[in-house]
PDB file of all heavy atoms in Angstrom:
ATOM      1  N   ILE A   1      -4.839  17.335  21.132  1.00  0.00           N
ATOM      2  CA  ILE A   1      -5.162  16.138  21.915  1.00  0.00           C
ATOM      3  C   ILE A   1      -5.267  16.456  23.400  1.00  0.00           C
ATOM      4  O   ILE A   1      -4.827  17.466  23.891  1.00  0.00           O
ATOM      5  CB  ILE A   1      -4.020  15.054  21.741  1.00  0.00           C
ATOM      6  CG1 ILE A   1      -2.674  15.628  22.085  1.00  0.00           C
ATOM      7  CG2 ILE A   1      -4.084  14.508  20.326  1.00  0.00           C
ATOM      8  CD1 ILE A   1      -1.604  14.566  22.110  1.00  0.00           C
ATOM      9  N   ILE A   2      -5.896  15.509  24.043  1.00  0.00           N
ATOM     10  CA  ILE A   2      -6.085  15.620  25.563  1.00  0.00           C
ATOM     11  C   ILE A   2      -5.060  14.694  26.161  1.00  0.00           C
ATOM     12  O   ILE A   2      -5.107  13.498  25.979  1.00  0.00           O
ATOM     13  CB  ILE A   2      -7.451  15.221  25.966  1.00  0.00           C
ATOM     14  CG1 ILE A   2      -8.525  16.188  25.361  1.00  0.00           C
ATOM     15  CG2 ILE A   2      -7.633  15.192  27.480  1.00  0.00           C
ATOM     16  CD1 ILE A   2      -9.955  15.725  25.499  1.00  0.00           C
ATOM     17  N   VAL A   3      -4.092  15.297  26.857  1.00  0.00           N
ATOM     18  CA  VAL A   3      -3.023  14.497  27.501  1.00  0.00           C
ATOM     19  C   VAL A   3      -3.492  14.016  28.865  1.00  0.00           C
ATOM     20  O   VAL A   3      -3.728  14.861  29.770  1.00  0.00           O
ATOM     21  CB  VAL A   3      -1.709  15.390  27.637  1.00  0.00           C
ATOM     22  CG1 VAL A   3      -0.664  14.573  28.387  1.00  0.00           C
ATOM     23  CG2 VAL A   3      -1.257  15.790  26.291  1.00  0.00           C
ATOM     24  N   ASN A   4      -3.673  12.766  29.020  1.00  0.00           N
ATOM     25  CA  ASN A   4      -4.096  12.116  30.269  1.00  0.00           C
ATOM     26  C   ASN A   4      -2.882  11.990  31.196  1.00  0.00           C
ATOM     27  O   ASN A   4      -1.721  11.720  30.822  1.00  0.00           O
ATOM     28  CB  ASN A   4      -4.705  10.769  30.039  1.00  0.00           C
ATOM     29  CG  ASN A   4      -5.872  10.905  29.023  1.00  0.00           C
ATOM     30  OD1 ASN A   4      -6.736  11.778  29.194  1.00  0.00           O
ATOM     31  ND2 ASN A   4      -5.958   9.961  28.111  1.00  0.00           N
ATOM     32  N   ARG A   5      -3.161  12.039  32.522  1.00  0.00           N
ATOM     33  CA  ARG A   5      -2.124  11.872  33.503  1.00  0.00           C
ATOM     34  C   ARG A   5      -1.610  10.415  33.503  1.00  0.00           C
ATOM     35  O   ARG A   5      -0.410  10.132  33.717  1.00  0.00           O
ATOM     36  CB  ARG A   5      -2.580  12.203  34.890  1.00  0.00           C
ATOM     37  CG  ARG A   5      -2.922  13.692  35.129  1.00  0.00           C
ATOM     38  CD  ARG A   5      -1.622  14.540  35.189  1.00  0.00           C
ATOM     39  NE  ARG A   5      -1.876  15.938  35.458  1.00  0.00           N
ATOM     40  CZ  ARG A   5      -2.045  16.448  36.685  1.00  0.00           C
ATOM     41  NH1 ARG A   5      -1.913  15.677  37.714  1.00  0.00           N
ATOM     42  NH2 ARG A   5      -2.254  17.705  36.840  1.00  0.00           N
ATOM     43  N   THR A   6      -2.526   9.492  33.301  1.00  0.00           N
ATOM     44  CA  THR A   6      -2.168   8.067  33.221  1.00  0.00           C
ATOM     45  C   THR A   6      -2.806   7.463  32.061  1.00  0.00           C
ATOM     46  O   THR A   6      -3.851   7.925  31.553  1.00  0.00           O
ATOM     47  CB  THR A   6      -2.594   7.324  34.535  1.00  0.00           C
ATOM     48  OG1 THR A   6      -4.006   7.473  34.697  1.00  0.00           O
ATOM     49  CG2 THR A   6      -1.897   7.896  35.735  1.00  0.00           C
ATOM     50  N   ALA A   7      -2.242   6.325  31.582  1.00  0.00           N
ATOM     51  CA  ALA A   7      -2.820   5.646  30.441  1.00  0.00           C
ATOM     52  C   ALA A   7      -4.117   4.939  30.773  1.00  0.00           C
ATOM     53  O   ALA A   7      -4.191   4.312  31.819  1.00  0.00           O
ATOM     54  CB  ALA A   7      -1.814   4.623  29.872  1.00  0.00           C
ATOM     55  N   ALA A   8      -5.113   5.106  29.914  1.00  0.00           N
ATOM     56  CA  ALA A   8      -6.379   4.450  30.119  1.00  0.00           C
ATOM     57  C   ALA A   8      -6.472   3.183  29.232  1.00  0.00           C
ATOM     58  O   ALA A   8      -5.946   3.192  28.113  1.00  0.00           O
ATOM     59  CB  ALA A   8      -7.479   5.414  29.804  1.00  0.00           C
ATOM     60  N   PRO A   9      -7.146   2.180  29.658  1.00  0.00           N
ATOM     61  CA  PRO A   9      -7.283   0.968  28.858  1.00  0.00           C
ATOM     62  C   PRO A   9      -8.139   1.262  27.647  1.00  0.00           C
ATOM     63  O   PRO A   9      -9.075   2.054  27.666  1.00  0.00           O
ATOM     64  CB  PRO A   9      -7.979  -0.027  29.775  1.00  0.00           C
ATOM     65  CG  PRO A   9      -8.680   0.787  30.778  1.00  0.00           C
ATOM     66  CD  PRO A   9      -7.871   2.010  30.968  1.00  0.00           C
ATOM     67  N   HIS A  10      -7.808   0.597  26.541  1.00  0.00           N
ATOM     68  CA  HIS A  10      -8.582   0.796  25.251  1.00  0.00           C
ATOM     69  C   HIS A  10      -8.878  -0.571  24.620  1.00  0.00           C
ATOM     70  O   HIS A  10      -7.966  -1.447  24.576  1.00  0.00           O
ATOM     71  CB  HIS A  10      -7.804   1.662  24.289  1.00  0.00           C
ATOM     72  CG  HIS A  10      -7.748   3.107  24.671  1.00  0.00           C
ATOM     73  ND1 HIS A  10      -8.766   4.003  24.335  1.00  0.00           N
ATOM     74  CD2 HIS A  10      -6.810   3.819  25.372  1.00  0.00           C
ATOM     75  CE1 HIS A  10      -8.399   5.197  24.800  1.00  0.00           C
ATOM     76  NE2 HIS A  10      -7.270   5.074  25.428  1.00  0.00           N
ATOM     77  N   ASP A  11     -10.042  -0.707  24.116  1.00  0.00           N
ATOM     78  CA  ASP A  11     -10.426  -1.962  23.391  1.00  0.00           C
ATOM     79  C   ASP A  11      -9.710  -1.991  22.070  1.00  0.00           C
ATOM     80  O   ASP A  11      -9.692  -1.056  21.309  1.00  0.00           O
ATOM     81  CB  ASP A  11     -11.966  -1.928  23.250  1.00  0.00           C
ATOM     82  CG  ASP A  11     -12.424  -3.115  22.448  1.00  0.00           C
ATOM     83  OD1 ASP A  11     -12.474  -4.214  22.987  1.00  0.00           O
ATOM     84  OD2 ASP A  11     -12.795  -2.952  21.252  1.00  0.00           O
ATOM     85  N   LEU A  12      -9.215  -3.190  21.763  1.00  0.00           N
ATOM     86  CA  LEU A  12      -8.462  -3.388  20.481  1.00  0.00           C
ATOM     87  C   LEU A  12      -9.319  -3.118  19.279  1.00  0.00           C
ATOM     88  O   LEU A  12      -8.837  -2.532  18.304  1.00  0.00           O
ATOM     89  CB  LEU A  12      -7.905  -4.779  20.439  1.00  0.00           C
ATOM     90  CG  LEU A  12      -6.734  -5.065  21.309  1.00  0.00           C
ATOM     91  CD1 LEU A  12      -6.310  -6.555  21.210  1.00  0.00           C
ATOM     92  CD2 LEU A  12      -5.477  -4.206  20.921  1.00  0.00           C
ATOM     93  N   VAL A  13     -10.564  -3.572  19.260  1.00  0.00           N
ATOM     94  CA  VAL A  13     -11.436  -3.367  18.153  1.00  0.00           C
ATOM     95  C   VAL A  13     -11.695  -1.868  17.907  1.00  0.00           C
ATOM     96  O   VAL A  13     -11.664  -1.371  16.805  1.00  0.00           O
ATOM     97  CB  VAL A  13     -12.782  -4.104  18.349  1.00  0.00           C
ATOM     98  CG1 VAL A  13     -13.759  -3.765  17.202  1.00  0.00           C
ATOM     99  CG2 VAL A  13     -12.512  -5.635  18.416  1.00  0.00           C
ATOM    100  N   HIS A  14     -11.947  -1.125  19.001  1.00  0.00           N
ATOM    101  CA  HIS A  14     -12.147   0.310  18.927  1.00  0.00           C
ATOM    102  C   HIS A  14     -10.899   1.014  18.358  1.00  0.00           C
ATOM    103  O   HIS A  14     -11.010   1.861  17.478  1.00  0.00           O
ATOM    104  CB  HIS A  14     -12.506   0.855  20.245  1.00  0.00           C
ATOM    105  CG  HIS A  14     -12.532   2.356  20.363  1.00  0.00           C
ATOM    106  ND1 HIS A  14     -13.546   3.109  19.741  1.00  0.00           N
ATOM    107  CD2 HIS A  14     -11.662   3.266  20.828  1.00  0.00           C
ATOM    108  CE1 HIS A  14     -13.278   4.423  19.937  1.00  0.00           C
ATOM    109  NE2 HIS A  14     -12.173   4.541  20.580  1.00  0.00           N
ATOM    110  N   ILE A  15      -9.739   0.657  18.853  1.00  0.00           N
ATOM    111  CA  ILE A  15      -8.496   1.305  18.468  1.00  0.00           C
ATOM    112  C   ILE A  15      -8.290   1.024  16.970  1.00  0.00           C
ATOM    113  O   ILE A  15      -7.930   1.940  16.200  1.00  0.00           O
ATOM    114  CB  ILE A  15      -7.305   0.800  19.297  1.00  0.00           C
ATOM    115  CG1 ILE A  15      -7.241   1.528  20.628  1.00  0.00           C
ATOM    116  CG2 ILE A  15      -6.015   0.938  18.536  1.00  0.00           C
ATOM    117  CD1 ILE A  15      -6.072   1.216  21.486  1.00  0.00           C
ATOM    118  N   GLU A  16      -8.466  -0.215  16.533  1.00  0.00           N
ATOM    119  CA  GLU A  16      -8.238  -0.512  15.086  1.00  0.00           C
ATOM    120  C   GLU A  16      -9.212   0.217  14.208  1.00  0.00           C
ATOM    121  O   GLU A  16      -8.855   0.773  13.132  1.00  0.00           O
ATOM    122  CB  GLU A  16      -8.342  -2.003  14.858  1.00  0.00           C
ATOM    123  CG  GLU A  16      -8.025  -2.411  13.429  1.00  0.00           C
ATOM    124  CD  GLU A  16      -8.054  -3.865  13.194  1.00  0.00           C
ATOM    125  OE1 GLU A  16      -8.174  -4.669  14.130  1.00  0.00           O
ATOM    126  OE2 GLU A  16      -7.822  -4.284  12.026  1.00  0.00           O
ATOM    127  N   ALA A  17     -10.477   0.311  14.636  1.00  0.00           N
ATOM    128  CA  ALA A  17     -11.494   1.041  13.827  1.00  0.00           C
ATOM    129  C   ALA A  17     -11.187   2.520  13.785  1.00  0.00           C
ATOM    130  O   ALA A  17     -11.306   3.131  12.679  1.00  0.00           O
ATOM    131  CB  ALA A  17     -12.869   0.833  14.394  1.00  0.00           C
ATOM    132  N   LYS A  18     -10.742   3.084  14.853  1.00  0.00           N
ATOM    133  CA  LYS A  18     -10.318   4.510  14.926  1.00  0.00           C
ATOM    134  C   LYS A  18      -9.156   4.785  13.978  1.00  0.00           C
ATOM    135  O   LYS A  18      -9.215   5.755  13.258  1.00  0.00           O
ATOM    136  CB  LYS A  18     -10.048   4.912  16.369  1.00  0.00           C
ATOM    137  CG  LYS A  18      -9.632   6.331  16.530  1.00  0.00           C
ATOM    138  CD  LYS A  18      -9.349   6.662  18.000  1.00  0.00           C
ATOM    139  CE  LYS A  18      -8.856   8.069  18.197  1.00  0.00           C
ATOM    140  NZ  LYS A  18      -8.591   8.367  19.651  1.00  0.00           N
ATOM    141  N   ALA A  19      -8.170   3.919  14.036  1.00  0.00           N
ATOM    142  CA  ALA A  19      -6.968   4.084  13.263  1.00  0.00           C
ATOM    143  C   ALA A  19      -7.270   3.951  11.769  1.00  0.00           C
ATOM    144  O   ALA A  19      -6.797   4.674  10.891  1.00  0.00           O
ATOM    145  CB  ALA A  19      -5.866   3.164  13.660  1.00  0.00           C
ATOM    146  N   ARG A  20      -8.090   2.954  11.443  1.00  0.00           N
ATOM    147  CA  ARG A  20      -8.449   2.677  10.031  1.00  0.00           C
ATOM    148  C   ARG A  20      -9.202   3.861   9.459  1.00  0.00           C
ATOM    149  O   ARG A  20      -8.926   4.254   8.274  1.00  0.00           O
ATOM    150  CB  ARG A  20      -9.251   1.386   9.943  1.00  0.00           C
ATOM    151  CG  ARG A  20      -9.439   0.904   8.517  1.00  0.00           C
ATOM    152  CD  ARG A  20     -10.241  -0.406   8.468  1.00  0.00           C
ATOM    153  NE  ARG A  20      -9.564  -1.466   9.146  1.00  0.00           N
ATOM    154  CZ  ARG A  20      -8.576  -2.183   8.656  1.00  0.00           C
ATOM    155  NH1 ARG A  20      -8.171  -1.991   7.422  1.00  0.00           N
ATOM    156  NH2 ARG A  20      -8.028  -3.157   9.342  1.00  0.00           N
ATOM    157  N   ARG A  21     -10.131   4.397  10.139  1.00  0.00           N
ATOM    158  CA  ARG A  21     -10.901   5.526   9.629  1.00  0.00           C
ATOM    159  C   ARG A  21      -9.980   6.771   9.381  1.00  0.00           C
ATOM    160  O   ARG A  21     -10.113   7.410   8.408  1.00  0.00           O
ATOM    161  CB  ARG A  21     -12.016   5.910  10.587  1.00  0.00           C
ATOM    162  CG  ARG A  21     -12.868   7.049  10.054  1.00  0.00           C
ATOM    163  CD  ARG A  21     -14.242   7.133  10.648  1.00  0.00           C
ATOM    164  NE  ARG A  21     -15.062   8.081   9.839  1.00  0.00           N
ATOM    165  CZ  ARG A  21     -15.348   9.327  10.249  1.00  0.00           C
ATOM    166  NH1 ARG A  21     -15.001   9.759  11.419  1.00  0.00           N
ATOM    167  NH2 ARG A  21     -16.127  10.025   9.463  1.00  0.00           N
ATOM    168  N   ALA A  22      -9.127   6.973  10.319  1.00  0.00           N
ATOM    169  CA  ALA A  22      -8.166   8.080  10.201  1.00  0.00           C
ATOM    170  C   ALA A  22      -7.300   7.872   8.973  1.00  0.00           C
ATOM    171  O   ALA A  22      -7.017   8.790   8.163  1.00  0.00           O
ATOM    172  CB  ALA A  22      -7.331   8.223  11.410  1.00  0.00           C
ATOM    173  N   LEU A  23      -6.792   6.641   8.762  1.00  0.00           N
ATOM    174  CA  LEU A  23      -5.912   6.322   7.700  1.00  0.00           C
ATOM    175  C   LEU A  23      -6.621   6.366   6.378  1.00  0.00           C
ATOM    176  O   LEU A  23      -6.073   6.892   5.355  1.00  0.00           O
ATOM    177  CB  LEU A  23      -5.309   4.921   7.932  1.00  0.00           C
ATOM    178  CG  LEU A  23      -4.173   4.424   7.074  1.00  0.00           C
ATOM    179  CD1 LEU A  23      -2.975   5.333   7.221  1.00  0.00           C
ATOM    180  CD2 LEU A  23      -3.795   2.988   7.441  1.00  0.00           C
ATOM    181  N   VAL A  24      -7.801   5.836   6.302  1.00  0.00           N
ATOM    182  CA  VAL A  24      -8.537   5.709   5.018  1.00  0.00           C
ATOM    183  C   VAL A  24      -9.305   6.934   4.645  1.00  0.00           C
ATOM    184  O   VAL A  24      -9.239   7.448   3.495  1.00  0.00           O
ATOM    185  CB  VAL A  24      -9.429   4.479   5.018  1.00  0.00           C
ATOM    186  CG1 VAL A  24     -10.262   4.411   3.760  1.00  0.00           C
ATOM    187  CG2 VAL A  24      -8.614   3.193   5.173  1.00  0.00           C
ATOM    188  N   ASP A  25      -9.999   7.523   5.659  1.00  0.00           N
ATOM    189  CA  ASP A  25     -10.889   8.634   5.356  1.00  0.00           C
ATOM    190  C   ASP A  25     -10.329   9.973   5.791  1.00  0.00           C
ATOM    191  O   ASP A  25     -10.864  11.063   5.407  1.00  0.00           O
ATOM    192  CB  ASP A  25     -12.228   8.430   6.111  1.00  0.00           C
ATOM    193  CG  ASP A  25     -12.991   7.159   5.648  1.00  0.00           C
ATOM    194  OD1 ASP A  25     -12.759   6.777   4.519  1.00  0.00           O
ATOM    195  OD2 ASP A  25     -13.663   6.612   6.486  1.00  0.00           O
ATOM    196  N   GLY A  26      -9.241   9.934   6.587  1.00  0.00           N
ATOM    197  CA  GLY A  26      -8.709  11.213   7.073  1.00  0.00           C
ATOM    198  C   GLY A  26      -9.605  11.961   8.057  1.00  0.00           C
ATOM    199  O   GLY A  26      -9.615  13.179   8.117  1.00  0.00           O
ATOM    200  N   LYS A  27     -10.408  11.168   8.833  1.00  0.00           N
ATOM    201  CA  LYS A  27     -11.331  11.766   9.765  1.00  0.00           C
ATOM    202  C   LYS A  27     -11.231  11.066  11.155  1.00  0.00           C
ATOM    203  O   LYS A  27     -10.883   9.895  11.215  1.00  0.00           O
ATOM    204  CB  LYS A  27     -12.765  11.569   9.241  1.00  0.00           C
ATOM    205  CG  LYS A  27     -13.020  12.183   7.890  1.00  0.00           C
ATOM    206  CD  LYS A  27     -13.110  13.668   7.992  1.00  0.00           C
ATOM    207  CE  LYS A  27     -13.529  14.240   6.553  1.00  0.00           C
ATOM    208  NZ  LYS A  27     -13.640  15.722   6.605  1.00  0.00           N
ATOM    209  N   THR A  28     -11.622  11.801  12.193  1.00  0.00           N
ATOM    210  CA  THR A  28     -11.892  11.195  13.462  1.00  0.00           C
ATOM    211  C   THR A  28     -12.899  12.044  14.189  1.00  0.00           C
ATOM    212  O   THR A  28     -13.315  13.114  13.695  1.00  0.00           O
ATOM    213  CB  THR A  28     -10.493  11.128  14.323  1.00  0.00           C
ATOM    214  OG1 THR A  28     -10.690  10.196  15.357  1.00  0.00           O
ATOM    215  CG2 THR A  28     -10.115  12.469  14.863  1.00  0.00           C
ATOM    216  N   ILE A  29     -13.306  11.554  15.394  1.00  0.00           N
ATOM    217  CA  ILE A  29     -14.340  12.265  16.120  1.00  0.00           C
ATOM    218  C   ILE A  29     -13.783  12.833  17.412  1.00  0.00           C
ATOM    219  O   ILE A  29     -13.046  12.156  18.157  1.00  0.00           O
ATOM    220  CB  ILE A  29     -15.501  11.260  16.476  1.00  0.00           C
ATOM    221  CG1 ILE A  29     -16.133  10.701  15.186  1.00  0.00           C
ATOM    222  CG2 ILE A  29     -16.592  11.992  17.337  1.00  0.00           C
ATOM    223  CD1 ILE A  29     -16.740  11.738  14.310  1.00  0.00           C
ATOM    224  N   SER A  30     -14.129  14.129  17.641  1.00  0.00           N
ATOM    225  CA  SER A  30     -13.630  14.745  18.879  1.00  0.00           C
ATOM    226  C   SER A  30     -14.458  14.318  20.068  1.00  0.00           C
ATOM    227  O   SER A  30     -15.445  13.595  19.930  1.00  0.00           O
ATOM    228  CB  SER A  30     -13.723  16.328  18.732  1.00  0.00           C
ATOM    229  OG  SER A  30     -15.036  16.708  18.937  1.00  0.00           O
ATOM    230  N   ILE A  31     -14.057  14.768  21.251  1.00  0.00           N
ATOM    231  CA  ILE A  31     -14.789  14.346  22.474  1.00  0.00           C
ATOM    232  C   ILE A  31     -16.210  14.939  22.490  1.00  0.00           C
ATOM    233  O   ILE A  31     -17.048  14.478  23.211  1.00  0.00           O
ATOM    234  CB  ILE A  31     -14.030  14.804  23.745  1.00  0.00           C
ATOM    235  CG1 ILE A  31     -13.747  16.319  23.735  1.00  0.00           C
ATOM    236  CG2 ILE A  31     -12.730  14.041  23.951  1.00  0.00           C
ATOM    237  CD1 ILE A  31     -13.301  16.843  25.038  1.00  0.00           C
ATOM    238  N   HIS A  32     -16.436  15.951  21.700  1.00  0.00           N
ATOM    239  CA  HIS A  32     -17.750  16.577  21.631  1.00  0.00           C
ATOM    240  C   HIS A  32     -18.603  16.027  20.434  1.00  0.00           C
ATOM    241  O   HIS A  32     -19.631  16.630  20.142  1.00  0.00           O
ATOM    242  CB  HIS A  32     -17.631  18.127  21.557  1.00  0.00           C
ATOM    243  CG  HIS A  32     -16.991  18.654  22.758  1.00  0.00           C
ATOM    244  ND1 HIS A  32     -15.752  19.391  22.670  1.00  0.00           N
ATOM    245  CD2 HIS A  32     -17.291  18.649  24.102  1.00  0.00           C
ATOM    246  CE1 HIS A  32     -15.431  19.796  23.905  1.00  0.00           C
ATOM    247  NE2 HIS A  32     -16.334  19.373  24.728  1.00  0.00           N
ATOM    248  N   GLY A  33     -18.086  15.029  19.787  1.00  0.00           N
ATOM    249  CA  GLY A  33     -18.793  14.487  18.642  1.00  0.00           C
ATOM    250  C   GLY A  33     -18.596  15.178  17.329  1.00  0.00           C
ATOM    251  O   GLY A  33     -19.328  14.917  16.369  1.00  0.00           O
ATOM    252  N   THR A  34     -17.652  16.124  17.310  1.00  0.00           N
ATOM    253  CA  THR A  34     -17.358  16.892  16.045  1.00  0.00           C
ATOM    254  C   THR A  34     -16.432  16.068  15.138  1.00  0.00           C
ATOM    255  O   THR A  34     -15.383  15.522  15.663  1.00  0.00           O
ATOM    256  CB  THR A  34     -16.716  18.176  16.364  1.00  0.00           C
ATOM    257  OG1 THR A  34     -17.627  18.968  17.167  1.00  0.00           O
ATOM    258  CG2 THR A  34     -16.425  18.976  15.044  1.00  0.00           C
ATOM    259  N   GLU A  35     -16.764  15.944  13.878  1.00  0.00           N
ATOM    260  CA  GLU A  35     -15.876  15.259  12.944  1.00  0.00           C
ATOM    261  C   GLU A  35     -14.752  16.265  12.612  1.00  0.00           C
ATOM    262  O   GLU A  35     -15.031  17.353  12.157  1.00  0.00           O
ATOM    263  CB  GLU A  35     -16.693  14.836  11.701  1.00  0.00           C
ATOM    264  CG  GLU A  35     -15.874  13.946  10.777  1.00  0.00           C
ATOM    265  CD  GLU A  35     -16.727  13.346   9.689  1.00  0.00           C
ATOM    266  OE1 GLU A  35     -16.973  14.098   8.736  1.00  0.00           O
ATOM    267  OE2 GLU A  35     -17.114  12.182   9.812  1.00  0.00           O
ATOM    268  N   ILE A  36     -13.536  15.783  12.703  1.00  0.00           N
ATOM    269  CA  ILE A  36     -12.385  16.626  12.390  1.00  0.00           C
ATOM    270  C   ILE A  36     -11.460  15.960  11.405  1.00  0.00           C
ATOM    271  O   ILE A  36     -11.418  14.701  11.341  1.00  0.00           O
ATOM    272  CB  ILE A  36     -11.592  17.068  13.688  1.00  0.00           C
ATOM    273  CG1 ILE A  36     -11.064  15.799  14.464  1.00  0.00           C
ATOM    274  CG2 ILE A  36     -12.425  17.915  14.623  1.00  0.00           C
ATOM    275  CD1 ILE A  36     -10.219  16.119  15.619  1.00  0.00           C
ATOM    276  N   ASP A  37     -10.728  16.786  10.631  1.00  0.00           N
ATOM    277  CA  ASP A  37      -9.849  16.285   9.663  1.00  0.00           C
ATOM    278  C   ASP A  37      -8.497  15.952  10.310  1.00  0.00           C
ATOM    279  O   ASP A  37      -7.949  16.670  11.135  1.00  0.00           O
ATOM    280  CB  ASP A  37      -9.578  17.321   8.538  1.00  0.00           C
ATOM    281  CG  ASP A  37     -10.804  17.590   7.756  1.00  0.00           C
ATOM    282  OD1 ASP A  37     -11.579  16.683   7.533  1.00  0.00           O
ATOM    283  OD2 ASP A  37     -10.934  18.736   7.273  1.00  0.00           O
ATOM    284  N   VAL A  38      -7.955  14.782   9.895  1.00  0.00           N
ATOM    285  CA  VAL A  38      -6.627  14.393  10.389  1.00  0.00           C
ATOM    286  C   VAL A  38      -5.777  13.882   9.221  1.00  0.00           C
ATOM    287  O   VAL A  38      -6.274  13.590   8.160  1.00  0.00           O
ATOM    288  CB  VAL A  38      -6.712  13.230  11.453  1.00  0.00           C
ATOM    289  CG1 VAL A  38      -7.416  13.749  12.680  1.00  0.00           C
ATOM    290  CG2 VAL A  38      -7.443  12.004  10.893  1.00  0.00           C
ATOM    291  N   THR A  39      -4.475  13.932   9.398  1.00  0.00           N
ATOM    292  CA  THR A  39      -3.572  13.403   8.437  1.00  0.00           C
ATOM    293  C   THR A  39      -2.719  12.363   9.158  1.00  0.00           C
ATOM    294  O   THR A  39      -2.256  12.607  10.270  1.00  0.00           O
ATOM    295  CB  THR A  39      -2.611  14.496   7.872  1.00  0.00           C
ATOM    296  OG1 THR A  39      -3.430  15.563   7.313  1.00  0.00           O
ATOM    297  CG2 THR A  39      -1.720  13.912   6.842  1.00  0.00           C
ATOM    298  N   VAL A  40      -2.488  11.198   8.494  1.00  0.00           N
ATOM    299  CA  VAL A  40      -1.749  10.086   9.177  1.00  0.00           C
ATOM    300  C   VAL A  40      -0.496   9.819   8.413  1.00  0.00           C
ATOM    301  O   VAL A  40      -0.583   9.257   7.274  1.00  0.00           O
ATOM    302  CB  VAL A  40      -2.600   8.825   9.259  1.00  0.00           C
ATOM    303  CG1 VAL A  40      -1.855   7.784  10.011  1.00  0.00           C
ATOM    304  CG2 VAL A  40      -3.917   9.175   9.956  1.00  0.00           C
ATOM    305  N   GLU A  41       0.637  10.222   8.931  1.00  0.00           N
ATOM    306  CA  GLU A  41       1.911   9.795   8.390  1.00  0.00           C
ATOM    307  C   GLU A  41       2.669   8.903   9.405  1.00  0.00           C
ATOM    308  O   GLU A  41       3.559   8.156   9.036  1.00  0.00           O
ATOM    309  CB  GLU A  41       2.738  10.996   8.050  1.00  0.00           C
ATOM    310  CG  GLU A  41       2.143  11.832   6.886  1.00  0.00           C
ATOM    311  CD  GLU A  41       2.892  13.108   6.605  1.00  0.00           C
ATOM    312  OE1 GLU A  41       3.560  13.657   7.541  1.00  0.00           O
ATOM    313  OE2 GLU A  41       2.838  13.584   5.448  1.00  0.00           O
ATOM    314  N   SER A  42       2.234   8.959  10.658  1.00  0.00           N
ATOM    315  CA  SER A  42       2.793   8.080  11.716  1.00  0.00           C
ATOM    316  C   SER A  42       1.762   7.867  12.731  1.00  0.00           C
ATOM    317  O   SER A  42       1.066   8.805  13.214  1.00  0.00           O
ATOM    318  CB  SER A  42       4.083   8.719  12.307  1.00  0.00           C
ATOM    319  OG  SER A  42       4.715   7.749  13.107  1.00  0.00           O
ATOM    320  N   LEU A  43       1.561   6.646  13.122  1.00  0.00           N
ATOM    321  CA  LEU A  43       0.684   6.280  14.257  1.00  0.00           C
ATOM    322  C   LEU A  43       1.447   6.114  15.570  1.00  0.00           C
ATOM    323  O   LEU A  43       2.419   5.397  15.581  1.00  0.00           O
ATOM    324  CB  LEU A  43      -0.021   4.953  13.945  1.00  0.00           C
ATOM    325  CG  LEU A  43      -1.075   5.064  12.784  1.00  0.00           C
ATOM    326  CD1 LEU A  43      -1.394   3.606  12.286  1.00  0.00           C
ATOM    327  CD2 LEU A  43      -2.429   5.694  13.260  1.00  0.00           C
TER     328      LEU A  43
END
């Protein structure tokens, strides 16, 4: 992950969609647009 110095605002719809895809499909997108595998046991 990329650790930011300060918290950045995030849209609720975007966050929910990102979390749902990780939870259901085990996938997310990197900052360079690469699809990567993730495992979700805790959010």
